[in-house]
Amino acid sequence: MEKTPYAYEFLWKQIEKGYREIRKEKYRNLISQFLFDEEIRKKVEKLKDRSGRNYEGGLLEKTASVISLALCMYDNYPEIDIDLILSGIILSCLCTTFPKKECYEKIKEYEELIPFLFRKKRKKPTVELTVYDGIIRLDNKIYIRLERRRGENKKGEVGNGSRRKEDF
């Protein structure tokens, strides 16, 4: 696949939905500086996700997926700081358009967000970091397994809706 099968507009709406769920104004203000910048959006749309979706728009697709998983997780664990997790997810996508040092300079006043974007800055794992890392791993595993299944299904196709021998 060369490009995500999803419309960019749909993926951006999913990300914006996550953004609207962030209640802390300081995070919303920080993210809005990047999220609604057309130049940054165009750059993100071209980026691949290095951990699986290795095609144009892959990072955008992954970010939308991880946001959806985070919101589902929050439904079951409302005591987690979903604002922190969603901010980390969105910024980890948007900051890929900048060199790491420049991204760090833009968010350095938000010390609680730094461990989400810079693993080497982690000192003590929090519940939110555990959830963040777990959701990203889960999304990667699901995507990889589905890709394997798609590949296996293509190999087993007989054509025109025919069933395989083992289906009987």
N, C-alpha and C. Protein backbone atom coordinates (compact mmCIF):
# COMPACT_ATOMS: atom_id res chain seq x y z
N MET A 1 0.85 -1.17 0.00
CA MET A 1 0.00 0.00 0.00
C MET A 1 0.90 1.24 0.00
N GLU A 2 0.55 2.18 -0.83
CA GLU A 2 1.34 3.41 -0.92
C GLU A 2 0.78 4.53 -0.06
N LYS A 3 -0.52 4.46 0.24
CA LYS A 3 -1.19 5.55 0.93
C LYS A 3 -2.32 4.99 1.80
N THR A 4 -2.60 5.65 2.90
CA THR A 4 -3.69 5.22 3.77
C THR A 4 -5.00 5.12 2.97
N PRO A 5 -5.81 4.12 3.26
CA PRO A 5 -7.10 4.02 2.56
C PRO A 5 -8.14 5.00 3.11
N TYR A 6 -7.83 5.65 4.23
CA TYR A 6 -8.77 6.58 4.85
C TYR A 6 -8.57 8.00 4.31
N ALA A 7 -9.64 8.73 4.22
CA ALA A 7 -9.57 10.13 3.80
C ALA A 7 -8.87 10.93 4.90
N TYR A 8 -7.98 11.81 4.51
CA TYR A 8 -7.27 12.63 5.50
C TYR A 8 -8.25 13.44 6.34
N GLU A 9 -9.29 13.94 5.71
CA GLU A 9 -10.29 14.73 6.44
C GLU A 9 -10.90 13.91 7.58
N PHE A 10 -11.22 12.65 7.31
CA PHE A 10 -11.78 11.75 8.33
C PHE A 10 -10.78 11.57 9.47
N LEU A 11 -9.52 11.32 9.14
CA LEU A 11 -8.50 11.10 10.18
C LEU A 11 -8.28 12.35 11.02
N TRP A 12 -8.26 13.52 10.38
CA TRP A 12 -8.12 14.76 11.14
C TRP A 12 -9.31 14.98 12.06
N LYS A 13 -10.49 14.62 11.62
CA LYS A 13 -11.69 14.77 12.48
C LYS A 13 -11.57 13.86 13.69
N GLN A 14 -11.02 12.66 13.53
CA GLN A 14 -10.82 11.76 14.65
C GLN A 14 -9.83 12.36 15.66
N ILE A 15 -8.77 12.94 15.14
CA ILE A 15 -7.76 13.57 16.01
C ILE A 15 -8.36 14.79 16.70
N GLU A 16 -9.12 15.58 15.97
CA GLU A 16 -9.77 16.75 16.57
C GLU A 16 -10.78 16.34 17.64
N LYS A 17 -11.41 15.20 17.46
CA LYS A 17 -12.33 14.69 18.49
C LYS A 17 -11.55 14.44 19.79
N GLY A 18 -10.38 13.83 19.67
CA GLY A 18 -9.53 13.62 20.84
C GLY A 18 -9.11 14.95 21.46
N TYR A 19 -8.77 15.90 20.62
CA TYR A 19 -8.40 17.24 21.09
C TYR A 19 -9.54 17.88 21.88
N ARG A 20 -10.76 17.76 21.40
CA ARG A 20 -11.92 18.34 22.08
C ARG A 20 -12.21 17.68 23.43
N GLU A 21 -11.72 16.47 23.62
CA GLU A 21 -11.90 15.77 24.89
C GLU A 21 -10.93 16.26 25.97
N ILE A 22 -9.90 17.00 25.57
CA ILE A 22 -8.92 17.53 26.53
C ILE A 22 -9.55 18.72 27.23
N ARG A 23 -9.65 18.63 28.55
CA ARG A 23 -10.29 19.69 29.33
C ARG A 23 -9.30 20.73 29.85
N LYS A 24 -8.06 20.34 30.04
CA LYS A 24 -7.08 21.28 30.59
C LYS A 24 -6.69 22.30 29.52
N GLU A 25 -7.00 23.55 29.82
CA GLU A 25 -6.80 24.64 28.88
C GLU A 25 -5.33 24.79 28.46
N LYS A 26 -4.41 24.55 29.40
CA LYS A 26 -2.99 24.73 29.05
C LYS A 26 -2.56 23.73 27.98
N TYR A 27 -3.08 22.50 28.01
CA TYR A 27 -2.76 21.51 26.98
C TYR A 27 -3.45 21.87 25.67
N ARG A 28 -4.70 22.30 25.76
CA ARG A 28 -5.44 22.67 24.55
C ARG A 28 -4.74 23.83 23.83
N ASN A 29 -4.29 24.81 24.60
CA ASN A 29 -3.60 25.95 24.00
C ASN A 29 -2.30 25.53 23.31
N LEU A 30 -1.55 24.65 23.97
CA LEU A 30 -0.29 24.17 23.38
C LEU A 30 -0.58 23.42 22.08
N ILE A 31 -1.49 22.49 22.13
CA ILE A 31 -1.77 21.65 20.96
C ILE A 31 -2.36 22.46 19.81
N SER A 32 -3.20 23.43 20.12
CA SER A 32 -3.84 24.21 19.05
C SER A 32 -2.81 24.98 18.22
N GLN A 33 -1.66 25.29 18.82
CA GLN A 33 -0.60 25.97 18.07
C GLN A 33 -0.11 25.13 16.89
N PHE A 34 -0.20 23.81 17.03
CA PHE A 34 0.28 22.89 16.00
C PHE A 34 -0.86 22.29 15.19
N LEU A 35 -1.90 21.87 15.88
CA LEU A 35 -2.97 21.09 15.27
C LEU A 35 -3.69 21.82 14.15
N PHE A 36 -3.83 23.10 14.24
CA PHE A 36 -4.59 23.85 13.26
C PHE A 36 -3.70 24.63 12.29
N ASP A 37 -2.42 24.30 12.28
CA ASP A 37 -1.46 24.91 11.36
C ASP A 37 -1.47 24.07 10.07
N GLU A 38 -1.90 24.68 8.98
CA GLU A 38 -2.04 23.95 7.70
C GLU A 38 -0.71 23.38 7.20
N GLU A 39 0.36 24.09 7.42
CA GLU A 39 1.67 23.61 6.97
C GLU A 39 2.06 22.33 7.72
N ILE A 40 1.83 22.31 9.02
CA ILE A 40 2.13 21.13 9.81
C ILE A 40 1.22 19.97 9.37
N ARG A 41 -0.03 20.25 9.13
CA ARG A 41 -0.96 19.20 8.69
C ARG A 41 -0.49 18.56 7.39
N LYS A 42 -0.09 19.37 6.45
CA LYS A 42 0.37 18.85 5.16
C LYS A 42 1.60 17.96 5.34
N LYS A 43 2.49 18.35 6.24
CA LYS A 43 3.68 17.54 6.50
C LYS A 43 3.30 16.21 7.14
N VAL A 44 2.40 16.24 8.12
CA VAL A 44 1.97 15.03 8.81
C VAL A 44 1.30 14.07 7.84
N GLU A 45 0.52 14.59 6.92
CA GLU A 45 -0.19 13.73 5.96
C GLU A 45 0.76 12.91 5.10
N LYS A 46 1.97 13.37 4.91
CA LYS A 46 2.96 12.66 4.09
C LYS A 46 3.74 11.62 4.88
N LEU A 47 3.69 11.69 6.21
CA LEU A 47 4.54 10.84 7.04
C LEU A 47 4.05 9.41 7.16
N LYS A 48 5.02 8.50 7.18
CA LYS A 48 4.74 7.08 7.40
C LYS A 48 4.90 6.79 8.88
N ASP A 49 4.26 5.73 9.32
CA ASP A 49 4.45 5.25 10.68
C ASP A 49 5.54 4.19 10.62
N ARG A 50 6.62 4.40 11.32
CA ARG A 50 7.76 3.49 11.26
C ARG A 50 7.50 2.13 11.90
N SER A 51 6.43 2.01 12.68
CA SER A 51 6.20 0.74 13.37
C SER A 51 5.15 -0.14 12.71
N GLY A 52 4.75 0.17 11.50
CA GLY A 52 3.78 -0.70 10.85
C GLY A 52 3.14 -0.12 9.62
N ARG A 53 2.52 0.99 9.75
CA ARG A 53 1.81 1.60 8.61
C ARG A 53 2.83 2.36 7.77
N ASN A 54 3.58 1.62 7.01
CA ASN A 54 4.71 2.17 6.27
C ASN A 54 4.25 2.72 4.91
N TYR A 55 3.35 3.68 4.97
CA TYR A 55 2.83 4.30 3.77
C TYR A 55 2.42 5.73 4.10
N GLU A 56 2.25 6.53 3.06
CA GLU A 56 1.86 7.93 3.24
C GLU A 56 0.55 8.00 4.03
N GLY A 57 0.55 8.85 5.05
CA GLY A 57 -0.63 8.99 5.91
C GLY A 57 -0.67 7.97 7.03
N GLY A 58 0.33 7.10 7.09
CA GLY A 58 0.36 6.05 8.10
C GLY A 58 0.41 6.59 9.52
N LEU A 59 1.21 7.63 9.74
CA LEU A 59 1.30 8.21 11.08
C LEU A 59 -0.02 8.87 11.49
N LEU A 60 -0.66 9.52 10.56
CA LEU A 60 -1.95 10.16 10.81
C LEU A 60 -3.00 9.09 11.17
N GLU A 61 -2.99 8.01 10.40
CA GLU A 61 -3.92 6.90 10.65
C GLU A 61 -3.68 6.28 12.03
N LYS A 62 -2.41 6.06 12.35
CA LYS A 62 -2.08 5.47 13.65
C LYS A 62 -2.51 6.39 14.80
N THR A 63 -2.27 7.68 14.66
CA THR A 63 -2.64 8.63 15.70
C THR A 63 -4.14 8.61 15.95
N ALA A 64 -4.93 8.60 14.88
CA ALA A 64 -6.38 8.55 15.02
C ALA A 64 -6.80 7.25 15.72
N SER A 65 -6.16 6.16 15.37
CA SER A 65 -6.48 4.86 15.97
C SER A 65 -6.15 4.84 17.45
N VAL A 66 -4.97 5.34 17.80
CA VAL A 66 -4.53 5.33 19.20
C VAL A 66 -5.41 6.25 20.05
N ILE A 67 -5.84 7.36 19.50
CA ILE A 67 -6.76 8.26 20.23
C ILE A 67 -8.06 7.52 20.53
N SER A 68 -8.59 6.81 19.55
CA SER A 68 -9.84 6.06 19.76
C SER A 68 -9.66 5.02 20.86
N LEU A 69 -8.54 4.32 20.85
CA LEU A 69 -8.26 3.32 21.90
C LEU A 69 -8.15 3.99 23.27
N ALA A 70 -7.50 5.14 23.32
CA ALA A 70 -7.35 5.86 24.59
C ALA A 70 -8.71 6.27 25.16
N LEU A 71 -9.57 6.74 24.30
CA LEU A 71 -10.90 7.16 24.76
C LEU A 71 -11.71 5.96 25.26
N CYS A 72 -11.56 4.82 24.62
CA CYS A 72 -12.23 3.59 25.10
C CYS A 72 -11.66 3.19 26.46
N MET A 73 -10.36 3.30 26.61
CA MET A 73 -9.71 2.96 27.87
C MET A 73 -10.23 3.87 28.98
N TYR A 74 -10.38 5.13 28.67
CA TYR A 74 -10.84 6.10 29.65
C TYR A 74 -12.26 5.80 30.12
N ASP A 75 -13.08 5.26 29.23
CA ASP A 75 -14.44 4.87 29.62
C ASP A 75 -14.42 3.87 30.77
N ASN A 76 -13.41 3.01 30.79
CA ASN A 76 -13.31 1.99 31.83
C ASN A 76 -12.48 2.42 33.03
N TYR A 77 -11.62 3.40 32.85
CA TYR A 77 -10.75 3.87 33.93
C TYR A 77 -10.79 5.40 33.99
N PRO A 78 -11.90 5.97 34.43
CA PRO A 78 -12.04 7.43 34.40
C PRO A 78 -11.08 8.17 35.34
N GLU A 79 -10.40 7.46 36.22
CA GLU A 79 -9.48 8.15 37.12
C GLU A 79 -8.12 8.45 36.48
N ILE A 80 -7.85 7.89 35.30
CA ILE A 80 -6.58 8.23 34.64
C ILE A 80 -6.68 9.65 34.09
N ASP A 81 -5.54 10.29 33.95
CA ASP A 81 -5.49 11.66 33.42
C ASP A 81 -5.53 11.57 31.89
N ILE A 82 -6.73 11.52 31.35
CA ILE A 82 -6.90 11.37 29.90
C ILE A 82 -6.38 12.60 29.17
N ASP A 83 -6.42 13.76 29.80
CA ASP A 83 -5.89 14.97 29.18
C ASP A 83 -4.41 14.81 28.87
N LEU A 84 -3.69 14.25 29.80
CA LEU A 84 -2.25 14.03 29.63
C LEU A 84 -1.98 13.01 28.53
N ILE A 85 -2.73 11.92 28.54
CA ILE A 85 -2.54 10.87 27.54
C ILE A 85 -2.88 11.36 26.14
N LEU A 86 -4.03 12.00 25.99
CA LEU A 86 -4.42 12.51 24.67
C LEU A 86 -3.44 13.57 24.17
N SER A 87 -2.99 14.42 25.07
CA SER A 87 -2.01 15.44 24.68
C SER A 87 -0.72 14.79 24.20
N GLY A 88 -0.28 13.76 24.92
CA GLY A 88 0.93 13.04 24.52
C GLY A 88 0.78 12.39 23.16
N ILE A 89 -0.37 11.78 22.91
CA ILE A 89 -0.61 11.11 21.63
C ILE A 89 -0.59 12.12 20.49
N ILE A 90 -1.32 13.20 20.65
CA ILE A 90 -1.43 14.20 19.58
C ILE A 90 -0.08 14.87 19.33
N LEU A 91 0.60 15.24 20.41
CA LEU A 91 1.90 15.90 20.25
C LEU A 91 2.96 14.97 19.67
N SER A 92 2.89 13.69 20.01
CA SER A 92 3.89 12.77 19.47
C SER A 92 3.76 12.67 17.95
N CYS A 93 2.57 12.88 17.44
CA CYS A 93 2.36 12.91 15.99
C CYS A 93 2.83 14.25 15.41
N LEU A 94 2.34 15.33 15.97
CA LEU A 94 2.61 16.65 15.41
C LEU A 94 4.08 17.06 15.53
N CYS A 95 4.72 16.63 16.60
CA CYS A 95 6.13 17.01 16.80
C CYS A 95 7.09 16.30 15.85
N THR A 96 6.61 15.28 15.14
CA THR A 96 7.48 14.62 14.18
C THR A 96 7.82 15.53 13.01
N THR A 97 7.12 16.63 12.88
CA THR A 97 7.41 17.57 11.78
C THR A 97 8.55 18.52 12.13
N PHE A 98 9.05 18.43 13.35
CA PHE A 98 10.15 19.28 13.81
C PHE A 98 11.34 18.40 14.20
N PRO A 99 12.55 18.95 14.15
CA PRO A 99 13.68 18.23 14.74
C PRO A 99 13.42 18.06 16.25
N LYS A 100 13.94 16.98 16.84
CA LYS A 100 13.67 16.69 18.25
C LYS A 100 13.99 17.87 19.17
N LYS A 101 15.11 18.51 18.93
CA LYS A 101 15.52 19.62 19.79
C LYS A 101 14.51 20.77 19.72
N GLU A 102 14.03 21.05 18.53
CA GLU A 102 13.05 22.12 18.35
C GLU A 102 11.73 21.77 19.04
N CYS A 103 11.33 20.51 18.92
CA CYS A 103 10.10 20.05 19.59
C CYS A 103 10.26 20.21 21.11
N TYR A 104 11.41 19.80 21.61
CA TYR A 104 11.67 19.91 23.06
C TYR A 104 11.56 21.37 23.51
N GLU A 105 12.12 22.26 22.75
CA GLU A 105 12.06 23.69 23.10
C GLU A 105 10.61 24.20 23.15
N LYS A 106 9.78 23.67 22.28
CA LYS A 106 8.39 24.12 22.23
C LYS A 106 7.55 23.61 23.40
N ILE A 107 7.95 22.47 23.97
CA ILE A 107 7.13 21.89 25.05
C ILE A 107 7.83 21.84 26.40
N LYS A 108 9.03 22.36 26.50
CA LYS A 108 9.83 22.18 27.73
C LYS A 108 9.16 22.74 28.99
N GLU A 109 8.26 23.68 28.85
CA GLU A 109 7.55 24.23 30.01
C GLU A 109 6.47 23.28 30.52
N TYR A 110 6.18 22.26 29.76
CA TYR A 110 5.17 21.26 30.11
C TYR A 110 5.89 19.98 30.53
N GLU A 111 6.52 20.04 31.69
CA GLU A 111 7.38 18.94 32.14
C GLU A 111 6.68 17.59 32.17
N GLU A 112 5.39 17.58 32.48
CA GLU A 112 4.65 16.33 32.56
C GLU A 112 4.42 15.69 31.20
N LEU A 113 4.54 16.45 30.11
CA LEU A 113 4.38 15.92 28.76
C LEU A 113 5.68 15.38 28.17
N ILE A 114 6.79 15.87 28.66
CA ILE A 114 8.09 15.49 28.09
C ILE A 114 8.32 13.99 28.07
N PRO A 115 7.99 13.23 29.13
CA PRO A 115 8.23 11.78 29.08
C PRO A 115 7.42 11.04 28.01
N PHE A 116 6.33 11.62 27.55
CA PHE A 116 5.54 10.99 26.50
C PHE A 116 6.24 11.08 25.15
N LEU A 117 6.99 12.14 24.95
CA LEU A 117 7.65 12.37 23.66
C LEU A 117 9.12 11.99 23.66
N PHE A 118 9.72 11.98 24.84
CA PHE A 118 11.16 11.71 24.95
C PHE A 118 11.39 10.62 25.99
N ARG A 119 11.47 9.38 25.54
CA ARG A 119 11.61 8.24 26.45
C ARG A 119 12.82 8.37 27.38
N LYS A 120 13.89 8.95 26.90
CA LYS A 120 15.10 9.07 27.72
C LYS A 120 14.90 9.99 28.92
N LYS A 121 13.86 10.80 28.89
CA LYS A 121 13.57 11.73 30.00
C LYS A 121 12.69 11.10 31.07
N ARG A 122 12.34 9.84 30.90
CA ARG A 122 11.48 9.17 31.87
C ARG A 122 12.28 8.77 33.09
N LYS A 123 11.74 9.11 34.24
CA LYS A 123 12.39 8.75 35.50
C LYS A 123 11.58 7.68 36.20
N LYS A 124 10.32 7.97 36.42
CA LYS A 124 9.44 7.06 37.14
C LYS A 124 8.18 6.85 36.30
N PRO A 125 7.88 5.60 35.96
CA PRO A 125 6.68 5.38 35.15
C PRO A 125 5.41 5.72 35.93
N THR A 126 4.51 6.39 35.27
CA THR A 126 3.22 6.73 35.87
C THR A 126 2.15 5.82 35.25
N VAL A 127 0.98 5.82 35.83
CA VAL A 127 -0.13 5.06 35.25
C VAL A 127 -0.39 5.56 33.84
N GLU A 128 -0.34 6.86 33.64
CA GLU A 128 -0.62 7.42 32.32
C GLU A 128 0.41 6.98 31.28
N LEU A 129 1.69 6.94 31.66
CA LEU A 129 2.71 6.45 30.72
C LEU A 129 2.52 4.97 30.42
N THR A 130 2.12 4.21 31.43
CA THR A 130 1.85 2.79 31.24
C THR A 130 0.70 2.59 30.26
N VAL A 131 -0.36 3.38 30.42
CA VAL A 131 -1.51 3.30 29.52
C VAL A 131 -1.09 3.73 28.11
N TYR A 132 -0.37 4.83 28.02
CA TYR A 132 0.10 5.36 26.73
C TYR A 132 0.93 4.31 25.98
N ASP A 133 1.92 3.76 26.64
CA ASP A 133 2.77 2.75 26.01
C ASP A 133 1.97 1.51 25.64
N GLY A 134 1.07 1.09 26.54
CA GLY A 134 0.25 -0.09 26.29
C GLY A 134 -0.68 0.07 25.10
N ILE A 135 -1.28 1.23 24.97
CA ILE A 135 -2.18 1.49 23.84
C ILE A 135 -1.40 1.48 22.53
N ILE A 136 -0.24 2.07 22.53
CA ILE A 136 0.57 2.08 21.30
C ILE A 136 0.99 0.66 20.93
N ARG A 137 1.42 -0.13 21.91
CA ARG A 137 1.78 -1.53 21.64
C ARG A 137 0.58 -2.32 21.13
N LEU A 138 -0.57 -2.13 21.77
CA LEU A 138 -1.79 -2.82 21.35
C LEU A 138 -2.15 -2.48 19.91
N ASP A 139 -2.12 -1.21 19.57
CA ASP A 139 -2.43 -0.79 18.21
C ASP A 139 -1.46 -1.42 17.22
N ASN A 140 -0.17 -1.45 17.56
CA ASN A 140 0.82 -2.06 16.67
C ASN A 140 0.53 -3.55 16.46
N LYS A 141 0.24 -4.26 17.55
CA LYS A 141 -0.04 -5.69 17.44
C LYS A 141 -1.28 -5.96 16.61
N ILE A 142 -2.33 -5.20 16.84
CA ILE A 142 -3.56 -5.38 16.07
C ILE A 142 -3.29 -5.15 14.59
N TYR A 143 -2.60 -4.06 14.28
CA TYR A 143 -2.33 -3.73 12.88
C TYR A 143 -1.50 -4.83 12.21
N ILE A 144 -0.45 -5.28 12.87
CA ILE A 144 0.42 -6.31 12.29
C ILE A 144 -0.34 -7.62 12.08
N ARG A 145 -1.14 -8.02 13.06
CA ARG A 145 -1.91 -9.26 12.92
C ARG A 145 -2.95 -9.15 11.80
N LEU A 146 -3.59 -8.00 11.69
CA LEU A 146 -4.57 -7.83 10.60
C LEU A 146 -3.89 -7.85 9.24
N GLU A 147 -2.72 -7.27 9.15
CA GLU A 147 -1.97 -7.31 7.88
C GLU A 147 -1.60 -8.74 7.52
N ARG A 148 -1.19 -9.54 8.51
CA ARG A 148 -0.90 -10.95 8.25
C ARG A 148 -2.13 -11.67 7.75
N ARG A 149 -3.25 -11.43 8.42
CA ARG A 149 -4.51 -12.07 8.03
C ARG A 149 -4.89 -11.68 6.61
N ARG A 150 -4.74 -10.40 6.29
CA ARG A 150 -5.06 -9.94 4.93
C ARG A 150 -4.20 -10.65 3.90
N GLY A 151 -2.92 -10.80 4.24
CA GLY A 151 -2.01 -11.51 3.34
C GLY A 151 -2.39 -12.97 3.17
N GLU A 152 -2.77 -13.61 4.25
CA GLU A 152 -3.19 -15.02 4.18
C GLU A 152 -4.47 -15.15 3.39
N ASN A 153 -5.40 -14.23 3.58
CA ASN A 153 -6.66 -14.28 2.84
C ASN A 153 -6.43 -14.11 1.34
N LYS A 154 -5.49 -13.25 0.98
CA LYS A 154 -5.20 -13.06 -0.44
C LYS A 154 -4.63 -14.33 -1.05
N LYS A 155 -3.78 -15.02 -0.31
CA LYS A 155 -3.19 -16.27 -0.81
C LYS A 155 -4.26 -17.33 -0.99
N GLY A 156 -5.26 -17.36 -0.11
CA GLY A 156 -6.29 -18.40 -0.15
C GLY A 156 -7.47 -18.08 -1.05
N GLU A 157 -7.48 -16.90 -1.67
CA GLU A 157 -8.61 -16.53 -2.52
C GLU A 157 -8.62 -17.39 -3.78
N VAL A 158 -9.82 -17.84 -4.12
CA VAL A 158 -9.99 -18.63 -5.33
C VAL A 158 -10.55 -17.75 -6.43
N GLY A 159 -11.23 -16.71 -6.06
CA GLY A 159 -11.75 -15.75 -7.04
C GLY A 159 -13.26 -15.75 -7.10
N ASN A 160 -13.82 -14.63 -7.43
CA ASN A 160 -15.26 -14.44 -7.61
C ASN A 160 -16.10 -14.96 -6.45
N GLY A 161 -15.63 -14.79 -5.24
CA GLY A 161 -16.43 -15.17 -4.08
C GLY A 161 -16.46 -16.66 -3.81
N SER A 162 -15.68 -17.45 -4.50
CA SER A 162 -15.64 -18.89 -4.27
C SER A 162 -15.09 -19.19 -2.90
N ARG A 163 -15.50 -20.30 -2.36
CA ARG A 163 -14.98 -20.70 -1.06
C ARG A 163 -13.79 -21.61 -1.26
N ARG A 164 -12.92 -21.58 -0.26
CA ARG A 164 -11.79 -22.48 -0.27
C ARG A 164 -12.25 -23.86 0.20
N LYS A 165 -11.53 -24.86 -0.17
CA LYS A 165 -11.84 -26.25 0.19
C LYS A 165 -12.00 -26.39 1.70
N GLU A 166 -11.12 -25.74 2.47
CA GLU A 166 -11.15 -25.89 3.93
C GLU A 166 -12.33 -25.18 4.60
N ASP A 167 -13.08 -24.39 3.82
CA ASP A 167 -14.25 -23.72 4.37
C ASP A 167 -15.43 -24.68 4.56
N PHE A 168 -15.37 -25.84 3.93
CA PHE A 168 -16.48 -26.81 4.00
C PHE A 168 -16.31 -27.82 5.09
